[in-house]
Amino acid sequence: MNLHLVRLFVAVAEAGSFSRAAEGLWISQPAVSKGIRELEHQLDLTLIERGAGKGFRLTEAGASLLTHARGIFAMERAALDDVRARVGVQRGSLTLGASTTVASYWLPPQIAAFCAAYPAVVPRVTVGNTQWVCEQLLECRIDLALVEGRVNADIEERIDVREWTTDPLAIVAPPDAALPRRGVTAALLGRQNWILREPGSGTRQATEALCAAHGIDAPPWMEMASNEAIARTVASGVGISMLPRVVVADMLALGTLRELKLPGAVLSRPLYRLALKSRPLSPAALRMAQILDAS
């Protein structure tokens, strides 16, 4: 299989267009089209089904090849970084994926430590909810991931999952909420308007786990894709929520939010470090992992 042709195929698949792929590769569109046809001929498979207009979609074989190709080229990048490091060239690439709370509150000190130790390597951080970050890891778009939520069982066998640290949580309400000061019951919490993160978020997973463990009937009254937005909405007098304590600590100290205590509830969750089992870590990613594990 000609890897040059595979690169053309990956470029087309990721760009979603033959013309955009050609522009990105600095070659002509006919050359790209010819390369894809040649690859299909070599494999005796149709990889791309072209529509009546300019659009196309990947066939099942094409989608499978794209997954394998991303892994191949990610390993190629890791090999180059490793060779450069072994001959004393202190450079390389590092792309981290992080769920929103980790990226905003837990990761910055680790990034600072990495940059101080390896100033020639500039890390790149992509941010999304846990589900999205896992998808990026499986597609070999990131080297290491740090997330708040559990990995879905259907992909867990492909990902190395390690507990990294613990993230305390807090149930919060408006400061003037007509709720008991010393403690609340599960039944009372079930009668409140809950504001939750979107599905796929680690904070959403933690909230649903708490409700299941204590028999709290709390369907989402409102969904928001930001912990900070939820905290400010609750502080404005709308609903209640469970959020990472690092997000709401200042607002609790200022009295713009009030914490609700549920007797017997364990309000914390693990944060996880993820890597792809089939892909060796580059020297930069390995060193970042060591910094994370030592923190």
Protein backbone atom coordinates (compact mmCIF):
# COMPACT_ATOMS: atom_id res chain seq x y z
CA MET A 1 0.00 0.00 0.00
CA ASN A 2 1.46 3.32 -1.10
CA LEU A 3 1.59 5.62 1.94
CA HIS A 4 1.79 8.72 -0.23
CA LEU A 5 -1.59 7.81 -1.71
CA VAL A 6 -2.92 7.08 1.78
CA ARG A 7 -1.85 10.60 2.82
CA LEU A 8 -3.85 12.00 -0.09
CA PHE A 9 -6.86 9.98 1.02
CA VAL A 10 -6.58 11.18 4.63
CA ALA A 11 -6.28 14.79 3.45
CA VAL A 12 -9.45 14.47 1.36
CA ALA A 13 -11.38 12.71 4.14
CA GLU A 14 -10.42 15.28 6.77
CA ALA A 15 -10.90 18.30 4.52
CA GLY A 16 -14.26 17.04 3.28
CA SER A 17 -13.38 18.26 -0.19
CA PHE A 18 -11.00 17.32 -3.01
CA SER A 19 -10.32 21.00 -3.75
CA ARG A 20 -9.58 21.95 -0.12
CA ALA A 21 -7.31 18.92 0.23
CA ALA A 22 -5.44 19.94 -2.91
CA GLU A 23 -5.00 23.49 -1.60
CA GLY A 24 -3.67 22.19 1.73
CA LEU A 25 -1.21 19.88 -0.03
CA TRP A 26 -0.15 22.47 -2.62
CA ILE A 27 -0.95 20.20 -5.53
CA SER A 28 -3.63 20.23 -8.22
CA GLN A 29 -7.09 18.81 -7.67
CA PRO A 30 -6.73 16.41 -10.66
CA ALA A 31 -3.59 15.01 -9.02
CA VAL A 32 -5.53 14.36 -5.82
CA SER A 33 -8.39 12.70 -7.69
CA LYS A 34 -5.95 10.56 -9.66
CA GLY A 35 -4.18 9.50 -6.46
CA ILE A 36 -7.45 8.42 -4.82
CA ARG A 37 -8.45 6.41 -7.88
CA GLU A 38 -5.03 4.73 -7.93
CA LEU A 39 -5.31 3.83 -4.23
CA GLU A 40 -8.77 2.35 -4.79
CA HIS A 41 -7.37 0.35 -7.71
CA GLN A 42 -4.48 -0.95 -5.59
CA LEU A 43 -6.82 -2.04 -2.80
CA ASP A 44 -9.59 -3.15 -5.16
CA LEU A 45 -12.01 -1.28 -2.91
CA THR A 46 -14.21 1.78 -3.25
CA LEU A 47 -13.15 4.22 -0.51
CA ILE A 48 -15.16 7.30 -1.46
CA GLU A 49 -18.66 7.41 -2.91
CA ARG A 50 -19.10 10.57 -4.94
CA GLY A 51 -22.51 12.22 -5.02
CA ALA A 52 -24.31 13.88 -7.90
CA GLY A 53 -22.86 17.26 -6.88
CA LYS A 54 -19.49 18.02 -5.32
CA GLY A 55 -20.13 16.09 -2.12
CA PHE A 56 -18.98 12.61 -1.17
CA ARG A 57 -19.07 10.16 1.70
CA LEU A 58 -16.67 7.51 2.89
CA THR A 59 -17.62 3.90 2.35
CA GLU A 60 -17.32 1.46 5.25
CA ALA A 61 -13.90 0.45 3.87
CA GLY A 62 -12.92 4.11 3.57
CA ALA A 63 -13.90 4.86 7.18
CA SER A 64 -11.91 1.85 8.37
CA LEU A 65 -8.84 2.88 6.36
CA LEU A 66 -9.08 6.42 7.76
CA THR A 67 -8.96 5.10 11.33
CA HIS A 68 -5.93 2.90 10.61
CA ALA A 69 -4.18 5.64 8.62
CA ARG A 70 -4.46 8.14 11.46
CA GLY A 71 -2.83 5.60 13.76
CA ILE A 72 -0.04 4.92 11.24
CA PHE A 73 0.81 8.59 10.79
CA ALA A 74 0.58 9.26 14.52
CA MET A 75 3.15 6.48 15.08
CA GLU A 76 5.29 8.02 12.35
CA ARG A 77 5.26 11.37 14.19
CA ALA A 78 6.10 9.62 17.46
CA ALA A 79 9.03 7.81 15.81
CA LEU A 80 10.41 11.07 14.39
CA ASP A 81 10.12 12.78 17.77
CA ASP A 82 11.88 9.85 19.43
CA VAL A 83 14.77 9.85 16.93
CA ARG A 84 15.21 13.60 17.27
CA ALA A 85 15.23 13.35 21.05
CA ARG A 86 17.81 10.55 20.98
CA VAL A 87 20.24 12.59 18.91
CA GLY A 88 19.90 15.54 21.23
CA VAL A 89 17.43 17.69 19.29
CA GLN A 90 15.21 19.06 22.04
CA ARG A 91 12.07 19.63 20.05
CA GLY A 92 8.90 17.82 19.15
CA SER A 93 5.15 18.17 19.26
CA LEU A 94 2.65 17.64 22.04
CA THR A 95 -1.11 17.83 21.70
CA LEU A 96 -3.21 17.38 24.82
CA GLY A 97 -6.95 16.91 25.03
CA ALA A 98 -8.74 18.03 28.16
CA SER A 99 -12.31 18.25 29.32
CA THR A 100 -13.38 21.75 30.25
CA THR A 101 -12.87 21.74 34.03
CA VAL A 102 -9.47 20.07 33.73
CA ALA A 103 -8.33 22.54 31.08
CA SER A 104 -9.53 25.57 33.04
CA TYR A 105 -8.43 24.66 36.57
CA TRP A 106 -6.24 21.57 36.86
CA LEU A 107 -4.00 21.58 33.78
CA PRO A 108 -2.41 25.10 33.76
CA PRO A 109 0.16 24.34 36.54
CA GLN A 110 1.18 21.15 34.73
CA ILE A 111 1.58 23.03 31.44
CA ALA A 112 3.74 25.61 33.21
CA ALA A 113 5.97 22.87 34.67
CA PHE A 114 6.33 21.20 31.27
CA CYS A 115 7.20 24.46 29.49
CA ALA A 116 9.80 25.30 32.14
CA ALA A 117 11.46 21.90 31.71
CA TYR A 118 11.17 21.65 27.90
CA PRO A 119 10.98 25.19 26.49
CA ALA A 120 11.58 24.05 22.89
CA VAL A 121 8.33 22.08 22.81
CA VAL A 122 5.17 24.18 22.63
CA PRO A 123 2.13 22.21 23.84
CA ARG A 124 -1.25 22.52 22.17
CA VAL A 125 -4.42 21.92 24.17
CA THR A 126 -7.79 21.06 22.64
CA VAL A 127 -10.83 21.35 24.91
CA GLY A 128 -14.23 19.64 24.88
CA ASN A 129 -16.38 17.37 26.99
CA THR A 130 -15.22 13.87 27.94
CA GLN A 131 -16.94 12.11 25.05
CA TRP A 132 -15.46 14.49 22.46
CA VAL A 133 -11.95 14.21 23.92
CA CYS A 134 -12.13 10.40 23.77
CA GLU A 135 -13.15 10.60 20.12
CA GLN A 136 -10.16 12.85 19.39
CA LEU A 137 -7.84 10.39 21.14
CA LEU A 138 -9.19 7.44 19.14
CA GLU A 139 -8.66 9.41 15.93
CA CYS A 140 -5.00 10.04 16.93
CA ARG A 141 -5.53 13.81 16.94
CA ILE A 142 -4.16 14.13 20.48
CA ASP A 143 -1.32 12.44 22.37
CA LEU A 144 -2.65 12.41 25.93
CA ALA A 145 -6.06 13.18 27.42
CA LEU A 146 -7.23 14.35 30.83
CA VAL A 147 -10.93 13.99 31.51
CA GLU A 148 -13.52 14.11 34.29
CA GLY A 149 -15.90 11.39 33.12
CA ARG A 150 -15.74 7.65 32.68
CA VAL A 151 -14.79 6.22 29.30
CA ASN A 152 -17.62 4.46 27.48
CA ALA A 153 -17.42 0.68 27.79
CA ASP A 154 -17.46 0.18 24.02
CA ILE A 155 -14.11 1.96 23.59
CA GLU A 156 -12.47 1.28 26.96
CA GLU A 157 -10.54 -1.74 25.65
CA ARG A 158 -8.68 0.54 23.21
CA ILE A 159 -7.71 3.19 25.78
CA ASP A 160 -5.32 3.06 28.72
CA VAL A 161 -7.30 4.65 31.59
CA ARG A 162 -5.48 5.74 34.76
CA GLU A 163 -6.82 7.69 37.72
CA TRP A 164 -4.87 10.93 37.99
CA THR A 165 -6.29 12.98 40.87
CA THR A 166 -9.53 13.68 42.76
CA ASP A 167 -11.93 16.53 41.99
CA PRO A 168 -14.19 17.62 44.91
CA LEU A 169 -17.77 18.56 44.01
CA ALA A 170 -20.45 20.77 45.61
CA ILE A 171 -24.23 21.01 45.32
CA VAL A 172 -25.01 24.71 44.99
CA ALA A 173 -28.12 26.86 45.18
CA PRO A 174 -28.93 30.60 45.10
CA PRO A 175 -27.91 32.35 48.31
CA ASP A 176 -31.52 33.12 49.27
CA ALA A 177 -32.96 29.70 48.37
CA ALA A 178 -35.70 28.54 50.75
CA LEU A 179 -33.84 25.35 51.68
CA PRO A 180 -32.57 24.01 55.03
CA ARG A 181 -29.26 25.42 56.21
CA ARG A 182 -27.89 22.29 57.91
CA GLY A 183 -28.80 19.62 55.40
CA VAL A 184 -31.23 18.60 52.69
CA THR A 185 -32.98 15.34 51.90
CA ALA A 186 -32.96 13.47 48.63
CA ALA A 187 -36.72 14.01 48.33
CA LEU A 188 -36.29 17.77 48.70
CA LEU A 189 -33.51 17.85 46.12
CA GLY A 190 -35.74 15.92 43.76
CA ARG A 191 -38.30 18.73 43.87
CA GLN A 192 -35.78 21.38 42.71
CA ASN A 193 -35.07 22.61 39.19
CA TRP A 194 -31.72 21.09 38.26
CA ILE A 195 -29.40 22.72 35.73
CA LEU A 196 -27.09 20.11 34.22
CA ARG A 197 -24.24 19.94 31.75
CA GLU A 198 -24.85 18.42 28.33
CA PRO A 199 -24.76 14.62 27.77
CA GLY A 200 -21.17 13.44 27.36
CA SER A 201 -19.88 15.75 30.10
CA GLY A 202 -18.07 14.31 33.11
CA THR A 203 -19.92 16.71 35.42
CA ARG A 204 -23.21 15.41 34.01
CA GLN A 205 -22.06 11.83 34.66
CA ALA A 206 -21.17 12.67 38.26
CA THR A 207 -24.52 14.35 38.88
CA GLU A 208 -26.46 11.42 37.44
CA ALA A 209 -24.40 8.99 39.55
CA LEU A 210 -25.17 10.98 42.72
CA CYS A 211 -28.88 11.05 41.93
CA ALA A 212 -28.95 7.31 41.20
CA ALA A 213 -27.10 6.50 44.43
CA HIS A 214 -29.48 8.54 46.61
CA GLY A 215 -32.75 8.04 44.75
CA ILE A 216 -32.99 11.67 43.64
CA ASP A 217 -35.43 12.20 40.81
CA ALA A 218 -33.70 15.07 39.01
CA PRO A 219 -34.32 15.19 35.28
CA PRO A 220 -32.56 18.15 33.67
CA TRP A 221 -34.76 21.21 33.91
CA MET A 222 -32.15 23.10 31.88
CA GLU A 223 -28.94 22.10 30.12
CA MET A 224 -25.89 24.32 29.61
CA ALA A 225 -22.51 23.50 28.05
CA SER A 226 -20.41 25.44 30.59
CA ASN A 227 -19.85 24.95 34.33
CA GLU A 228 -19.19 28.66 34.74
CA ALA A 229 -22.44 29.55 32.97
CA ILE A 230 -24.36 27.18 35.24
CA ALA A 231 -22.74 28.66 38.36
CA ARG A 232 -23.70 32.19 37.37
CA THR A 233 -27.22 31.15 36.42
CA VAL A 234 -27.72 29.52 39.80
CA ALA A 235 -26.25 32.57 41.54
CA SER A 236 -28.83 34.69 39.70
CA GLY A 237 -31.60 32.76 41.43
CA VAL A 238 -32.39 30.02 38.92
CA GLY A 239 -32.30 26.34 39.92
CA ILE A 240 -29.62 24.26 41.63
CA SER A 241 -26.71 22.21 40.34
CA MET A 242 -23.71 20.07 41.29
CA LEU A 243 -20.43 21.50 40.08
CA PRO A 244 -16.69 21.04 40.67
CA ARG A 245 -15.67 22.87 43.83
CA VAL A 246 -12.79 24.58 42.02
CA VAL A 247 -15.39 26.27 39.78
CA VAL A 248 -17.55 27.61 42.61
CA ALA A 249 -15.04 28.13 45.45
CA ASP A 250 -14.80 31.91 45.00
CA MET A 251 -18.57 32.34 44.66
CA LEU A 252 -19.17 30.29 47.81
CA ALA A 253 -16.62 32.40 49.69
CA LEU A 254 -18.30 35.61 48.49
CA GLY A 255 -21.75 34.36 49.35
CA THR A 256 -23.08 34.61 45.80
CA LEU A 257 -23.73 30.85 45.93
CA ARG A 258 -24.82 28.65 48.82
CA GLU A 259 -23.68 25.07 49.32
CA LEU A 260 -26.26 22.38 50.09
CA LYS A 261 -25.21 19.45 52.29
CA LEU A 262 -26.68 16.03 51.57
CA PRO A 263 -25.92 13.76 54.56
CA GLY A 264 -24.03 10.63 53.57
CA ALA A 265 -23.16 11.84 50.08
CA VAL A 266 -19.57 11.48 48.83
CA LEU A 267 -19.12 14.57 46.67
CA SER A 268 -15.96 13.92 44.71
CA ARG A 269 -14.91 12.15 41.56
CA PRO A 270 -11.65 10.90 40.05
CA LEU A 271 -10.01 12.61 37.12
CA TYR A 272 -8.47 10.31 34.52
CA ARG A 273 -5.39 10.32 32.30
CA LEU A 274 -5.97 8.58 28.98
CA ALA A 275 -3.68 7.31 26.24
CA LEU A 276 -4.25 5.10 23.22
CA LYS A 277 -3.06 1.54 23.88
CA SER A 278 -1.99 0.92 20.29
CA ARG A 279 0.10 4.08 20.02
CA PRO A 280 3.47 4.56 21.77
CA LEU A 281 3.91 7.89 23.52
CA SER A 282 6.29 10.35 21.92
CA PRO A 283 9.16 11.62 24.10
CA ALA A 284 7.27 14.88 24.73
CA ALA A 285 4.06 13.04 25.67
CA LEU A 286 6.02 10.65 27.91
CA ARG A 287 7.61 13.54 29.76
CA MET A 288 4.24 15.25 30.17
CA ALA A 289 2.83 12.01 31.57
CA GLN A 290 5.68 11.89 34.09
CA ILE A 291 4.92 15.46 35.20
CA LEU A 292 1.23 14.61 35.58
CA ASP A 293 1.94 11.46 37.58
CA ALA A 294 4.31 13.33 39.91
CA SER A 295 1.80 16.11 40.70
